[in-house]
Amino acid sequence: MSETPETPAASEGAASPAGTPGSGGLPPIAGKPKKEKKEEDSFAVFLIKLVLVVAIFRSFIFSPFNIPSESMLPRLENGDYLLAAKWPYGFSSYSLPFGVPLLPHRILAGTPKRGDVVIFKAPPGNDVDYIKRVIGLPGDTVQMVGGVLHLNGKPVPKQRIEDFVIHVSANTNCISPEFEAVEKDGSPSCHYPQYRETLPEGKSYNVLDLGYRPQDDTPPVVIPENRLFLMGDNRDNSMDSRFPAVEGAGIGLVPMDNLIGRATIVMWSTDGSANWFLPWTWFTAARWNRLGGLF
């Protein structure tokens, strides 16, 4: 940092400091003007830095997603908002904001575990985010027999537990009248048959089984390299790998390059009754008991 030159010391016996009127000294040297504010501190540059930080965070660390359907009931409800970890399975162009095609292949690739809940780009269009559970890995044989999941020729244990109960709200209605009920407080709800399913590795989760459907019996499918067999927990209300890849319907066997991230935590949940112009409804519509749920 530059300094202003010191004023010469007064000579011995002088009556006044150097530079004062009548002293015969030189006037004091004015200090240099202050430097102009650095460009890096400008608001525009701050915004650019902020955008870069957010882009890096969303591309490589965590990214938010919302759940617009009931295909993952009972674990996820319509109106849930969650964070997905981006690093567990590596990175591809689908991991980048807006799917910018900068990465021809997945880098730092990692293989999901059976039971992981994953977000991915749904085939065949590869332009819509879906969320399902990983059931079959490369080399596995997957089949449904009478509504029971079979892995590599062995049935996956499926135990009946208490019904799953969800209240009717602005974004939740019963799939059919047979599941409609009324709670003790008079509020309408849906009661769905619920089961506990346990994979060979010991991972357990709850699924819904609403009765026999054609997709409860499927031929055995051998999962090829770099493909995944994914299913929704709401087994009778999920278009997943049991169906061929058709835009807006089934997804077939999903390429690993389509993976975006792994679900980690529910950060917000709403029953759909909030009104943007009535701020207090943002809180009354919240499903507070769902916040912080892990996977």
Protein backbone atom coordinates (compact mmCIF):
# COMPACT_ATOMS: atom_id res chain seq x y z
CA MET A 1 0.00 0.00 0.00
CA SER A 2 1.47 3.42 -0.96
CA GLU A 3 2.03 5.93 1.81
CA THR A 4 2.03 9.75 1.82
CA PRO A 5 5.60 11.06 2.16
CA GLU A 6 6.37 12.26 5.65
CA THR A 7 6.50 16.05 6.26
CA PRO A 8 10.07 17.25 6.77
CA ALA A 9 10.96 17.79 10.42
CA ALA A 10 11.14 21.41 11.63
CA SER A 11 14.66 22.82 11.98
CA GLU A 12 15.98 23.43 15.51
CA GLY A 13 14.56 26.67 17.00
CA ALA A 14 11.87 27.08 14.27
CA ALA A 15 8.69 28.71 15.49
CA SER A 16 6.24 26.70 13.32
CA PRO A 17 6.11 23.35 11.53
CA ALA A 18 7.33 23.17 7.95
CA GLY A 19 4.68 24.00 5.41
CA THR A 20 2.68 26.37 7.60
CA PRO A 21 2.04 29.91 6.30
CA GLY A 22 4.95 32.15 6.81
CA SER A 23 7.35 29.31 7.53
CA GLY A 24 8.91 29.34 4.15
CA GLY A 25 8.41 25.55 3.84
CA LEU A 26 6.69 23.70 1.03
CA PRO A 27 2.95 22.94 1.25
CA PRO A 28 2.11 19.41 2.33
CA ILE A 29 1.92 16.85 -0.46
CA ALA A 30 -1.63 15.67 -0.95
CA GLY A 31 -2.22 11.91 -0.63
CA LYS A 32 -2.96 9.86 -3.75
CA PRO A 33 -6.68 9.46 -4.54
CA LYS A 34 -8.24 6.22 -3.33
CA LYS A 35 -8.37 3.38 -5.81
CA GLU A 36 -11.65 2.89 -7.57
CA LYS A 37 -13.77 -0.05 -6.39
CA LYS A 38 -12.54 -3.29 -7.93
CA GLU A 39 -14.59 -4.67 -10.78
CA GLU A 40 -14.76 -8.06 -8.98
CA ASP A 41 -16.84 -6.43 -6.28
CA SER A 42 -19.52 -5.24 -8.66
CA PHE A 43 -23.03 -6.64 -8.39
CA ALA A 44 -22.92 -8.07 -11.92
CA VAL A 45 -19.80 -10.09 -11.16
CA PHE A 46 -21.37 -11.25 -7.89
CA LEU A 47 -24.38 -12.57 -9.83
CA ILE A 48 -22.12 -14.40 -12.28
CA LYS A 49 -20.26 -16.05 -9.42
CA LEU A 50 -23.53 -17.00 -7.76
CA VAL A 51 -24.83 -18.59 -10.96
CA LEU A 52 -21.60 -20.57 -11.35
CA VAL A 53 -21.71 -21.80 -7.76
CA VAL A 54 -25.36 -22.88 -8.11
CA ALA A 55 -24.62 -24.58 -11.46
CA ILE A 56 -21.69 -26.51 -9.99
CA PHE A 57 -23.71 -27.46 -6.90
CA ARG A 58 -26.67 -28.69 -8.95
CA SER A 59 -24.50 -30.47 -11.51
CA PHE A 60 -22.13 -32.33 -9.21
CA ILE A 61 -23.42 -32.32 -5.62
CA PHE A 62 -27.18 -32.08 -4.97
CA SER A 63 -30.19 -31.15 -7.06
CA PRO A 64 -33.86 -30.71 -6.07
CA PHE A 65 -36.71 -32.69 -7.64
CA ASN A 66 -40.44 -32.79 -7.06
CA ILE A 67 -42.78 -35.78 -7.18
CA PRO A 68 -45.80 -35.20 -9.46
CA SER A 69 -47.34 -38.70 -9.33
CA GLU A 70 -48.15 -41.60 -6.99
CA SER A 71 -46.08 -44.31 -8.66
CA MET A 72 -43.71 -44.40 -5.65
CA LEU A 73 -46.35 -44.64 -2.91
CA PRO A 74 -46.02 -45.31 -0.05
CA ARG A 75 -42.45 -43.95 0.16
CA LEU A 76 -43.09 -40.81 -1.89
CA GLU A 77 -46.31 -38.84 -2.14
CA ASN A 78 -47.50 -36.43 -4.79
CA GLY A 79 -46.23 -33.04 -3.63
CA ASP A 80 -42.96 -34.22 -2.09
CA TYR A 81 -39.77 -32.32 -2.87
CA LEU A 82 -36.47 -34.12 -2.42
CA LEU A 83 -32.74 -33.69 -2.86
CA ALA A 84 -30.87 -36.09 -5.09
CA ALA A 85 -27.15 -36.76 -4.64
CA LYS A 86 -25.45 -36.37 -8.02
CA TRP A 87 -22.08 -38.05 -7.40
CA PRO A 88 -22.89 -41.70 -6.42
CA TYR A 89 -23.32 -42.96 -10.00
CA GLY A 90 -20.94 -40.63 -11.81
CA PHE A 91 -21.79 -37.84 -14.23
CA SER A 92 -23.19 -37.65 -17.74
CA SER A 93 -24.75 -34.96 -19.89
CA TYR A 94 -28.06 -35.75 -18.16
CA SER A 95 -26.46 -34.60 -14.90
CA LEU A 96 -25.77 -31.14 -16.28
CA PRO A 97 -28.30 -28.27 -16.23
CA PHE A 98 -30.66 -28.49 -19.20
CA GLY A 99 -28.89 -31.68 -20.32
CA VAL A 100 -26.10 -29.78 -22.06
CA PRO A 101 -24.36 -32.43 -24.24
CA LEU A 102 -20.81 -31.85 -22.98
CA LEU A 103 -20.09 -35.40 -21.80
CA PRO A 104 -20.32 -38.15 -24.46
CA HIS A 105 -20.28 -40.86 -21.75
CA ARG A 106 -20.65 -41.17 -18.01
CA ILE A 107 -17.50 -40.33 -16.07
CA LEU A 108 -16.53 -41.50 -12.57
CA ALA A 109 -19.25 -44.12 -13.08
CA GLY A 110 -20.68 -46.02 -10.14
CA THR A 111 -23.20 -48.90 -10.14
CA PRO A 112 -26.40 -48.49 -8.08
CA LYS A 113 -27.34 -50.97 -5.41
CA ARG A 114 -30.57 -52.96 -5.47
CA GLY A 115 -33.14 -50.97 -3.55
CA ASP A 116 -31.72 -47.53 -4.37
CA VAL A 117 -34.31 -44.93 -5.33
CA VAL A 118 -32.97 -43.19 -8.42
CA ILE A 119 -33.82 -40.22 -10.60
CA PHE A 120 -33.17 -40.70 -14.32
CA LYS A 121 -34.14 -39.58 -17.80
CA ALA A 122 -36.92 -41.87 -18.98
CA PRO A 123 -36.50 -43.76 -22.28
CA PRO A 124 -37.23 -43.56 -25.10
CA GLY A 125 -37.28 -39.74 -25.24
CA ASN A 126 -34.67 -39.29 -22.51
CA ASP A 127 -36.07 -35.84 -21.77
CA VAL A 128 -38.35 -36.34 -18.74
CA ASP A 129 -37.21 -37.00 -15.18
CA TYR A 130 -38.63 -40.17 -13.58
CA ILE A 131 -38.05 -41.70 -10.16
CA LYS A 132 -38.12 -45.47 -9.48
CA ARG A 133 -36.47 -48.12 -7.35
CA VAL A 134 -33.58 -50.24 -8.63
CA ILE A 135 -34.67 -53.90 -8.71
CA GLY A 136 -32.42 -55.64 -11.23
CA LEU A 137 -28.74 -55.09 -12.02
CA PRO A 138 -26.75 -56.28 -15.06
CA GLY A 139 -26.70 -60.08 -15.11
CA ASP A 140 -29.85 -60.45 -12.97
CA THR A 141 -32.98 -62.27 -14.10
CA VAL A 142 -36.17 -60.48 -13.07
CA GLN A 143 -39.71 -61.85 -13.22
CA MET A 144 -43.09 -61.21 -11.59
CA VAL A 145 -45.11 -64.30 -10.70
CA GLY A 146 -48.58 -63.79 -9.24
CA GLY A 147 -47.60 -60.33 -7.96
CA VAL A 148 -44.45 -61.65 -6.26
CA LEU A 149 -41.08 -60.36 -7.41
CA HIS A 150 -38.56 -63.06 -8.38
CA LEU A 151 -34.82 -62.37 -8.61
CA ASN A 152 -32.57 -64.94 -10.25
CA GLY A 153 -35.27 -67.60 -9.92
CA LYS A 154 -35.99 -66.99 -6.23
CA PRO A 155 -39.05 -65.19 -4.80
CA VAL A 156 -38.35 -62.01 -2.87
CA PRO A 157 -40.00 -62.20 0.59
CA LYS A 158 -43.22 -60.18 0.71
CA GLN A 159 -45.00 -59.79 4.04
CA ARG A 160 -48.46 -58.29 4.53
CA ILE A 161 -48.49 -55.37 6.98
CA GLU A 162 -51.02 -52.72 7.99
CA ASP A 163 -52.82 -50.76 5.28
CA PHE A 164 -51.19 -47.62 4.00
CA VAL A 165 -53.45 -44.66 4.80
CA ILE A 166 -53.22 -41.35 2.97
CA HIS A 167 -55.61 -38.43 3.37
CA VAL A 168 -57.49 -37.11 0.37
CA SER A 169 -56.24 -33.62 -0.52
CA ALA A 170 -55.91 -31.20 -3.42
CA ASN A 171 -53.29 -33.42 -5.05
CA THR A 172 -54.34 -36.85 -3.73
CA ASN A 173 -57.41 -38.91 -4.60
CA CYS A 174 -58.13 -42.62 -4.23
CA ILE A 175 -57.32 -44.65 -7.31
CA SER A 176 -60.77 -46.28 -7.18
CA PRO A 177 -63.86 -46.21 -4.88
CA GLU A 178 -63.01 -49.55 -3.27
CA PHE A 179 -60.13 -47.92 -1.41
CA GLU A 180 -62.08 -44.89 -0.14
CA ALA A 181 -62.57 -44.54 3.63
CA VAL A 182 -63.53 -41.99 6.26
CA GLU A 183 -61.36 -41.36 9.31
CA LYS A 184 -62.68 -40.90 12.86
CA ASP A 185 -62.47 -37.13 12.48
CA GLY A 186 -64.66 -37.30 9.37
CA SER A 187 -61.86 -36.63 6.88
CA PRO A 188 -61.79 -38.69 3.67
CA SER A 189 -58.82 -40.99 3.08
CA CYS A 190 -57.53 -43.87 0.99
CA HIS A 191 -56.61 -47.27 2.45
CA TYR A 192 -54.27 -49.35 0.31
CA PRO A 193 -53.03 -52.94 0.93
CA GLN A 194 -49.37 -52.68 1.95
CA TYR A 195 -46.53 -55.21 2.02
CA ARG A 196 -42.94 -55.32 3.25
CA GLU A 197 -40.52 -56.51 0.58
CA THR A 198 -36.94 -57.57 1.42
CA LEU A 199 -34.22 -57.90 -1.21
CA PRO A 200 -31.45 -60.55 -0.98
CA GLU A 201 -28.98 -58.00 0.41
CA GLY A 202 -31.38 -57.24 3.28
CA LYS A 203 -32.73 -53.93 1.97
CA SER A 204 -36.43 -53.62 2.97
CA TYR A 205 -39.10 -51.19 1.83
CA ASN A 206 -42.89 -51.06 1.61
CA VAL A 207 -44.88 -51.62 -1.57
CA LEU A 208 -48.56 -51.40 -2.46
CA ASP A 209 -50.48 -54.23 -4.11
CA LEU A 210 -53.99 -53.23 -5.18
CA GLY A 211 -55.01 -56.64 -6.49
CA TYR A 212 -54.27 -58.69 -9.56
CA ARG A 213 -53.18 -56.79 -12.68
CA PRO A 214 -51.71 -58.10 -15.97
CA GLN A 215 -48.27 -56.81 -14.96
CA ASP A 216 -48.31 -59.16 -11.93
CA ASP A 217 -47.17 -61.95 -14.26
CA THR A 218 -44.28 -61.28 -16.61
CA PRO A 219 -41.75 -63.39 -18.53
CA PRO A 220 -38.22 -63.64 -17.09
CA VAL A 221 -35.94 -60.84 -18.28
CA VAL A 222 -32.14 -61.06 -18.21
CA ILE A 223 -30.64 -57.62 -17.62
CA PRO A 224 -27.84 -56.87 -20.11
CA GLU A 225 -24.68 -54.89 -19.40
CA ASN A 226 -25.15 -51.21 -18.54
CA ARG A 227 -28.92 -51.61 -18.11
CA LEU A 228 -31.19 -51.49 -15.05
CA PHE A 229 -34.60 -52.94 -14.23
CA LEU A 230 -36.54 -50.26 -12.33
CA MET A 231 -39.96 -50.47 -10.66
CA GLY A 232 -42.30 -48.19 -8.75
CA ASP A 233 -43.26 -49.13 -5.19
CA ASN A 234 -46.92 -48.63 -6.11
CA ARG A 235 -46.76 -51.80 -8.16
CA ASP A 236 -50.19 -51.55 -9.77
CA ASN A 237 -49.92 -47.85 -10.58
CA SER A 238 -46.45 -47.58 -12.10
CA MET A 239 -45.33 -47.65 -15.72
CA ASP A 240 -41.84 -49.04 -15.32
CA SER A 241 -39.42 -51.66 -16.67
CA ARG A 242 -42.19 -54.26 -16.86
CA PHE A 243 -43.46 -52.34 -19.89
CA PRO A 244 -41.63 -51.58 -23.16
CA ALA A 245 -40.20 -48.11 -23.58
CA VAL A 246 -42.96 -45.93 -25.01
CA GLU A 247 -43.06 -42.16 -24.71
CA GLY A 248 -45.26 -41.26 -21.74
CA ALA A 249 -45.73 -44.91 -20.74
CA GLY A 250 -43.27 -47.75 -19.99
CA ILE A 251 -39.53 -47.24 -19.74
CA GLY A 252 -38.11 -50.67 -20.62
CA LEU A 253 -34.58 -51.43 -19.41
CA VAL A 254 -32.94 -48.13 -18.51
CA PRO A 255 -29.36 -47.34 -19.63
CA MET A 256 -27.06 -46.44 -16.74
CA ASP A 257 -26.02 -43.32 -18.65
CA ASN A 258 -29.56 -42.01 -18.03
CA LEU A 259 -29.03 -41.88 -14.26
CA ILE A 260 -29.11 -38.41 -12.70
CA GLY A 261 -28.80 -39.12 -9.00
CA ARG A 262 -29.88 -41.00 -5.90
CA ALA A 263 -32.74 -39.80 -3.70
CA THR A 264 -31.41 -38.77 -0.27
CA ILE A 265 -33.89 -36.69 1.77
CA VAL A 266 -37.37 -35.14 1.57
CA MET A 267 -36.88 -31.41 2.08
CA TRP A 268 -40.49 -30.26 1.62
CA SER A 269 -43.97 -31.69 1.12
CA THR A 270 -47.31 -30.08 0.35
CA ASP A 271 -50.84 -31.41 -0.01
CA GLY A 272 -51.48 -29.05 -2.93
CA SER A 273 -53.85 -26.66 -1.14
CA ALA A 274 -51.42 -23.71 -0.98
CA ASN A 275 -52.19 -20.47 -2.82
CA TRP A 276 -49.29 -18.29 -3.94
CA PHE A 277 -51.29 -15.15 -3.11
CA LEU A 278 -52.15 -16.36 0.43
CA PRO A 279 -48.78 -16.81 2.17
CA TRP A 280 -50.23 -18.45 5.29
CA THR A 281 -51.47 -21.35 3.17
CA TRP A 282 -47.87 -22.22 2.34
CA PHE A 283 -47.62 -23.45 5.92
CA THR A 284 -51.08 -24.93 6.41
CA ALA A 285 -50.58 -27.02 3.24
CA ALA A 286 -47.25 -28.43 4.43
CA ARG A 287 -46.97 -32.07 5.43
CA TRP A 288 -44.57 -31.36 8.26
CA ASN A 289 -44.27 -35.00 9.32
CA ARG A 290 -42.69 -35.90 5.97
CA LEU A 291 -39.82 -33.41 6.12
CA GLY A 292 -36.40 -34.93 6.67
CA GLY A 293 -37.37 -38.44 5.55
CA LEU A 294 -34.31 -40.38 4.39
CA PHE A 295 -33.91 -43.16 1.81
